[in-house]
Amino acid sequence: MRRTLVVAAALAATVVVLSGCGVKVKGVPSTVATVDGKSISSEEYFDTLHRRYGKDMLTGLMQNALLEKWAEDEKVPVTDKQVAAQIEILKRNGVYKDQVKQVGEEAINREMRAVQARINLSKKLDPIGKEELEKAYENMKPGFVHGPRVQVEVLVNPDETKVKDAKSALDDGRDFEEVAAEFGTNPMGGSSTIKIWVDLDKPGLPKNIVDAAKKLEVGKYTDVLGIGPKGKTTQYLIMKAVDKQGKANLKLADVKDEVESSVAVSKFQQNLTDKLRDKMKDAKISVNVDSLKDVKYRFMFPPEPQMGMGMGQP
């Protein structure tokens, strides 16, 4: 399932609400960073997160809790087995490790419980028809039916010199993402690296990219490669293999639960938003942090969603 979905900004909530509580957070040392010898403490870091983003993040956590309770009330509670299945989908799609690096396993598990609550509720309250299922499978088919493929992380820059400098830095043992942040650009915006699947049997990407990917072992990187219109190189890049998958030919029957889940998430957003808003309005809420007290009313009376957009949390 395409689940880069939900697990990024919203998951930061699990850290934000710990601000000022003296709680130790795994992976966050007492000194978060130093700049020219000046330390930035974890207390300062969490306090800033709390004050800037705490209200939005707590609202999201409260909505997740409400969704789980709603699913329980409808006799379709979220199970550990269901959450484990969602995690396996993230792993197969090659996004799980990145999300763990960003927010941690516990935060992903919590967010997946809210996603699964939506799925369970939607499947009960707005059942999925056979045609809907078949159409969704066709749209998702590239992830189920493909040849052998390699997932690569790409460092790219139109300046060949910078990419060659990046290659030297990698050869010196530096981390790929660290080097990409220093020497790479992302023409698509966002991070300085791009992750893509290179299908080894299907034409589409330039031949030199596919040929290089075929030779890569996981954890290894290529030499400097050039791409661009015929006769002209416009970008230079280095690829690092992060995952490999063999040929797949999964029929609808093989992935029915996954496809149903994808349809259910979409249908929840389309058809059950008003019911969720009613649940939020009627919820019994207690907020125990003085600076977050007004979150109760933001939660109970959220602004109307804009046309074409869903409610706050995905």
Protein backbone atom coordinates (compact mmCIF):
# COMPACT_ATOMS: atom_id res chain seq x y z
CA MET A 1 0.00 0.00 0.00
CA ARG A 2 1.21 3.48 -0.68
CA ARG A 3 1.87 4.53 2.86
CA THR A 4 4.40 7.21 2.94
CA LEU A 5 0.99 8.54 3.73
CA VAL A 6 0.54 9.65 7.30
CA VAL A 7 3.81 8.76 8.85
CA ALA A 8 5.88 11.92 8.82
CA ALA A 9 4.87 15.20 10.46
CA ALA A 10 2.01 13.63 12.38
CA LEU A 11 4.31 11.11 14.01
CA ALA A 12 6.51 13.84 15.44
CA ALA A 13 3.63 14.36 17.85
CA THR A 14 4.76 11.45 19.96
CA VAL A 15 7.90 13.36 20.81
CA VAL A 16 6.46 16.86 21.04
CA VAL A 17 4.05 16.13 23.86
CA LEU A 18 6.88 14.93 26.08
CA SER A 19 8.24 18.47 26.21
CA GLY A 20 9.02 19.78 29.63
CA CYS A 21 8.16 16.52 31.37
CA GLY A 22 11.69 15.35 32.08
CA VAL A 23 11.05 12.23 30.00
CA LYS A 24 13.98 10.54 28.33
CA VAL A 25 13.37 9.91 24.64
CA LYS A 26 15.22 7.09 22.93
CA GLY A 27 17.80 8.42 20.49
CA VAL A 28 17.75 11.99 21.88
CA PRO A 29 20.77 12.77 24.10
CA SER A 30 20.79 15.48 26.75
CA THR A 31 22.76 17.68 24.33
CA VAL A 32 21.05 17.63 20.93
CA ALA A 33 23.73 19.62 19.07
CA THR A 34 26.62 22.01 19.52
CA VAL A 35 27.48 25.06 17.42
CA ASP A 36 31.00 26.44 17.88
CA GLY A 37 31.05 24.91 21.34
CA LYS A 38 27.62 26.28 22.32
CA SER A 39 25.28 23.48 23.37
CA ILE A 40 21.61 23.05 22.52
CA SER A 41 20.00 20.95 25.24
CA SER A 42 17.22 18.41 24.77
CA GLU A 43 15.14 20.47 27.21
CA GLU A 44 15.45 23.55 24.97
CA TYR A 45 14.75 21.43 21.90
CA PHE A 46 11.60 19.82 23.28
CA ASP A 47 10.35 23.07 24.80
CA THR A 48 10.57 24.74 21.39
CA LEU A 49 8.77 21.82 19.71
CA HIS A 50 6.10 21.89 22.38
CA ARG A 51 5.41 25.63 22.11
CA ARG A 52 5.44 25.79 18.31
CA TYR A 53 3.77 22.52 17.36
CA GLY A 54 2.31 21.04 20.53
CA LYS A 55 -1.30 22.06 19.90
CA ASP A 56 -1.43 20.66 16.38
CA MET A 57 0.33 17.49 17.40
CA LEU A 58 -1.85 16.87 20.45
CA THR A 59 -4.94 17.37 18.29
CA GLY A 60 -3.69 14.61 16.00
CA LEU A 61 -2.99 12.25 18.88
CA MET A 62 -6.42 12.88 20.32
CA GLN A 63 -8.03 12.11 16.98
CA ASN A 64 -6.08 8.86 16.78
CA ALA A 65 -7.31 7.88 20.25
CA LEU A 66 -10.89 8.69 19.28
CA LEU A 67 -10.62 6.60 16.11
CA GLU A 68 -9.45 3.56 18.06
CA LYS A 69 -12.26 3.97 20.59
CA TRP A 70 -14.80 4.37 17.79
CA ALA A 71 -13.59 1.14 16.16
CA GLU A 72 -13.92 -0.65 19.51
CA ASP A 73 -17.47 0.67 19.93
CA GLU A 74 -18.36 -0.63 16.45
CA LYS A 75 -17.01 -4.08 17.40
CA VAL A 76 -14.16 -3.85 14.87
CA PRO A 77 -11.20 -3.13 17.18
CA VAL A 78 -7.68 -2.77 15.86
CA THR A 79 -5.57 -5.89 16.46
CA ASP A 80 -1.83 -6.33 16.74
CA LYS A 81 -2.01 -8.76 13.82
CA GLN A 82 -3.55 -6.08 11.59
CA VAL A 83 -0.89 -3.54 12.55
CA ALA A 84 1.87 -6.07 11.87
CA ALA A 85 0.40 -6.62 8.39
CA GLN A 86 0.50 -2.87 7.70
CA ILE A 87 4.13 -2.76 8.81
CA GLU A 88 4.97 -5.57 6.39
CA ILE A 89 3.44 -3.52 3.57
CA LEU A 90 5.65 -0.57 4.49
CA LYS A 91 8.67 -2.85 4.43
CA ARG A 92 7.80 -4.32 1.05
CA ASN A 93 7.31 -0.87 -0.43
CA GLY A 94 10.74 0.17 0.83
CA VAL A 95 9.67 3.02 3.12
CA TYR A 96 9.75 1.44 6.58
CA LYS A 97 13.43 1.96 7.36
CA ASP A 98 13.25 5.65 6.47
CA GLN A 99 10.24 6.15 8.70
CA VAL A 100 11.90 4.31 11.58
CA LYS A 101 14.91 6.58 11.16
CA GLN A 102 12.64 9.64 11.28
CA VAL A 103 10.29 8.81 14.12
CA GLY A 104 11.03 5.39 15.60
CA GLU A 105 9.23 2.05 15.57
CA GLU A 106 6.86 2.83 18.44
CA ALA A 107 5.57 5.98 16.76
CA ILE A 108 4.97 4.13 13.49
CA ASN A 109 3.07 1.40 15.33
CA ARG A 110 0.86 3.99 17.02
CA GLU A 111 0.10 5.79 13.78
CA MET A 112 -0.64 2.53 12.00
CA ARG A 113 -3.22 1.75 14.68
CA ALA A 114 -5.09 4.92 13.74
CA VAL A 115 -4.84 4.05 10.05
CA GLN A 116 -6.16 0.56 10.76
CA ALA A 117 -9.03 2.02 12.79
CA ARG A 118 -10.08 4.00 9.73
CA ILE A 119 -9.86 0.85 7.62
CA ASN A 120 -11.93 -1.23 10.02
CA LEU A 121 -14.58 1.46 10.40
CA SER A 122 -14.84 2.11 6.69
CA LYS A 123 -15.15 -1.57 5.80
CA LYS A 124 -18.02 -1.96 8.28
CA LEU A 125 -19.87 1.32 7.71
CA ASP A 126 -19.27 1.74 3.97
CA PRO A 127 -18.70 -1.75 2.49
CA ILE A 128 -16.46 -2.11 -0.57
CA GLY A 129 -17.96 -3.38 -3.81
CA LYS A 130 -16.35 -5.86 -6.19
CA GLU A 131 -15.87 -3.26 -8.94
CA GLU A 132 -14.20 -0.84 -6.53
CA LEU A 133 -11.80 -3.57 -5.48
CA GLU A 134 -10.90 -4.57 -9.04
CA LYS A 135 -10.35 -0.95 -10.11
CA ALA A 136 -8.09 -0.30 -7.12
CA TYR A 137 -6.07 -3.42 -7.87
CA GLU A 138 -5.45 -2.25 -11.44
CA ASN A 139 -4.27 1.15 -10.15
CA MET A 140 -1.94 -0.51 -7.63
CA LYS A 141 -0.76 -3.25 -10.00
CA PRO A 142 2.77 -1.87 -10.61
CA GLY A 143 3.53 -2.64 -6.97
CA PHE A 144 2.23 -6.19 -7.27
CA VAL A 145 3.33 -7.26 -10.75
CA HIS A 146 6.89 -6.37 -11.69
CA GLY A 147 10.20 -7.83 -12.71
CA PRO A 148 13.32 -7.90 -10.55
CA ARG A 149 14.02 -4.43 -9.23
CA VAL A 150 16.47 -2.49 -7.11
CA GLN A 151 15.61 0.39 -4.82
CA VAL A 152 18.28 3.06 -5.01
CA GLU A 153 19.01 6.25 -3.16
CA VAL A 154 20.21 8.91 -5.58
CA LEU A 155 22.56 11.82 -5.04
CA VAL A 156 22.17 14.22 -7.97
CA ASN A 157 23.58 17.57 -9.04
CA PRO A 158 23.94 19.32 -12.44
CA ASP A 159 27.51 20.23 -11.43
CA GLU A 160 29.79 17.30 -12.35
CA THR A 161 32.60 18.60 -10.15
CA LYS A 162 30.42 18.49 -7.05
CA VAL A 163 29.31 14.95 -7.78
CA LYS A 164 32.92 13.88 -8.26
CA ASP A 165 33.73 15.50 -4.91
CA ALA A 166 30.83 13.56 -3.43
CA LYS A 167 32.26 10.32 -4.83
CA SER A 168 35.61 11.10 -3.18
CA ALA A 169 33.86 11.74 0.13
CA LEU A 170 32.03 8.41 -0.14
CA ASP A 171 35.27 6.64 -0.95
CA ASP A 172 36.66 8.14 2.26
CA GLY A 173 33.93 6.33 4.19
CA ARG A 174 31.45 9.13 4.80
CA ASP A 175 27.70 8.44 5.12
CA PHE A 176 25.71 8.62 1.86
CA GLU A 177 22.95 10.87 3.20
CA GLU A 178 25.47 13.18 4.84
CA VAL A 179 27.39 13.48 1.58
CA ALA A 180 24.17 14.03 -0.38
CA ALA A 181 23.19 16.86 1.96
CA GLU A 182 26.53 18.55 1.28
CA PHE A 183 26.96 17.93 -2.44
CA GLY A 184 23.54 17.02 -3.83
CA THR A 185 20.41 18.82 -4.91
CA ASN A 186 16.92 17.46 -5.43
CA PRO A 187 15.21 18.72 -8.59
CA MET A 188 11.91 17.46 -7.15
CA GLY A 189 12.31 19.51 -3.97
CA GLY A 190 12.59 18.26 -0.39
CA SER A 191 15.45 16.06 0.75
CA SER A 192 18.83 16.11 -0.99
CA THR A 193 18.37 12.44 -1.92
CA ILE A 194 15.72 10.68 -4.01
CA LYS A 195 14.65 7.06 -3.62
CA ILE A 196 13.34 5.17 -6.64
CA TRP A 197 12.76 1.61 -7.77
CA VAL A 198 14.76 0.66 -10.86
CA ASP A 199 12.96 -2.08 -12.80
CA LEU A 200 15.70 -4.20 -14.32
CA ASP A 201 13.57 -5.75 -17.08
CA LYS A 202 11.29 -2.91 -18.11
CA PRO A 203 12.52 -0.01 -20.23
CA GLY A 204 11.90 3.48 -18.94
CA LEU A 205 15.01 4.76 -17.23
CA PRO A 206 18.22 5.46 -19.17
CA LYS A 207 20.18 2.33 -20.05
CA ASN A 208 23.26 3.37 -18.09
CA ILE A 209 21.14 3.74 -14.95
CA VAL A 210 19.59 0.29 -15.34
CA ASP A 211 22.92 -1.31 -16.19
CA ALA A 212 24.55 0.23 -13.12
CA ALA A 213 21.67 -0.83 -10.88
CA LYS A 214 21.96 -4.43 -12.09
CA LYS A 215 25.55 -4.60 -10.85
CA LEU A 216 24.91 -3.05 -7.43
CA GLU A 217 24.83 -4.99 -4.21
CA VAL A 218 22.77 -3.59 -1.34
CA GLY A 219 24.82 -1.00 0.52
CA LYS A 220 27.13 -0.32 -2.44
CA TYR A 221 27.17 2.76 -4.67
CA THR A 222 27.99 3.49 -8.30
CA ASP A 223 30.57 5.67 -9.95
CA VAL A 224 29.46 9.08 -11.25
CA LEU A 225 26.78 8.68 -13.93
CA GLY A 226 25.40 11.22 -16.39
CA ILE A 227 21.86 11.56 -17.73
CA GLY A 228 20.05 13.96 -20.03
CA PRO A 229 18.62 14.42 -23.51
CA LYS A 230 20.38 12.65 -26.36
CA GLY A 231 23.85 14.06 -26.81
CA LYS A 232 23.64 16.33 -23.76
CA THR A 233 24.28 15.57 -20.09
CA THR A 234 22.19 17.74 -17.77
CA GLN A 235 22.50 15.91 -14.46
CA TYR A 236 25.20 13.87 -12.76
CA LEU A 237 24.43 11.32 -10.09
CA ILE A 238 25.56 8.51 -7.83
CA MET A 239 23.21 5.68 -6.85
CA LYS A 240 23.35 3.55 -3.71
CA ALA A 241 21.38 0.29 -3.56
CA VAL A 242 19.22 0.05 -0.44
CA ASP A 243 16.97 -2.91 -1.31
CA LYS A 244 16.46 -5.63 -3.91
CA GLN A 245 13.33 -7.52 -4.86
CA GLY A 246 12.76 -10.39 -7.22
CA LYS A 247 10.04 -10.83 -9.81
CA ALA A 248 6.49 -10.51 -8.44
CA ASN A 249 3.17 -11.57 -9.95
CA LEU A 250 0.58 -11.09 -7.22
CA LYS A 251 -3.04 -11.55 -8.24
CA LEU A 252 -5.94 -9.72 -6.61
CA ALA A 253 -6.69 -12.80 -4.51
CA ASP A 254 -3.12 -12.67 -3.14
CA VAL A 255 -3.37 -9.03 -2.01
CA LYS A 256 -7.08 -8.63 -1.41
CA ASP A 257 -6.66 -7.40 2.18
CA GLU A 258 -4.11 -4.81 1.14
CA VAL A 259 -6.22 -3.51 -1.74
CA GLU A 260 -9.30 -3.41 0.47
CA SER A 261 -7.36 -1.41 3.02
CA SER A 262 -6.32 1.12 0.40
CA VAL A 263 -9.90 1.54 -0.80
CA ALA A 264 -11.17 1.76 2.78
CA VAL A 265 -8.79 4.59 3.70
CA SER A 266 -9.92 6.55 0.66
CA LYS A 267 -13.61 5.91 1.32
CA PHE A 268 -13.26 6.90 4.96
CA GLN A 269 -11.88 10.26 3.87
CA GLN A 270 -14.66 10.73 1.33
CA ASN A 271 -17.68 9.41 3.17
CA LEU A 272 -17.08 9.26 6.93
CA THR A 273 -15.52 12.65 7.63
CA ASP A 274 -18.79 14.15 8.87
CA LYS A 275 -19.33 11.24 11.26
CA LEU A 276 -15.80 11.71 12.58
CA ARG A 277 -16.45 15.41 13.15
CA ASP A 278 -19.60 14.54 15.10
CA LYS A 279 -17.60 12.10 17.23
CA MET A 280 -15.01 14.79 17.91
CA LYS A 281 -17.68 17.30 18.91
CA ASP A 282 -19.30 14.86 21.36
CA ALA A 283 -16.07 13.48 22.85
CA LYS A 284 -15.41 13.75 26.58
CA ILE A 285 -12.04 15.51 26.75
CA SER A 286 -9.65 16.48 29.51
CA VAL A 287 -6.36 18.27 28.74
CA ASN A 288 -3.91 18.33 31.63
CA VAL A 289 -1.30 20.77 30.29
CA ASP A 290 -2.16 24.42 30.95
CA SER A 291 -0.61 25.73 27.77
CA LEU A 292 -2.62 23.21 25.72
CA LYS A 293 -6.03 23.68 27.34
CA ASP A 294 -7.61 25.28 24.27
CA VAL A 295 -6.79 22.17 22.23
CA LYS A 296 -10.04 20.76 23.62
CA TYR A 297 -12.07 23.34 21.71
CA ARG A 298 -9.89 23.19 18.60
CA PHE A 299 -10.51 19.45 18.62
CA MET A 300 -14.26 19.63 19.22
CA PHE A 301 -14.87 22.45 16.74
CA PRO A 302 -12.26 22.14 13.96
CA PRO A 303 -12.47 24.45 10.93
CA GLU A 304 -14.46 23.14 8.00
CA PRO A 305 -12.21 21.26 5.54
CA GLN A 306 -11.47 23.11 2.30
CA MET A 307 -12.94 21.83 -0.93
CA GLY A 308 -11.06 18.74 -2.11
CA MET A 309 -9.21 18.32 1.18
CA GLY A 310 -9.81 16.03 4.12
CA MET A 311 -9.70 16.79 7.81
CA GLY A 312 -6.55 17.78 9.61
CA GLN A 313 -4.94 14.42 10.21
CA PRO A 314 -4.72 12.08 7.21
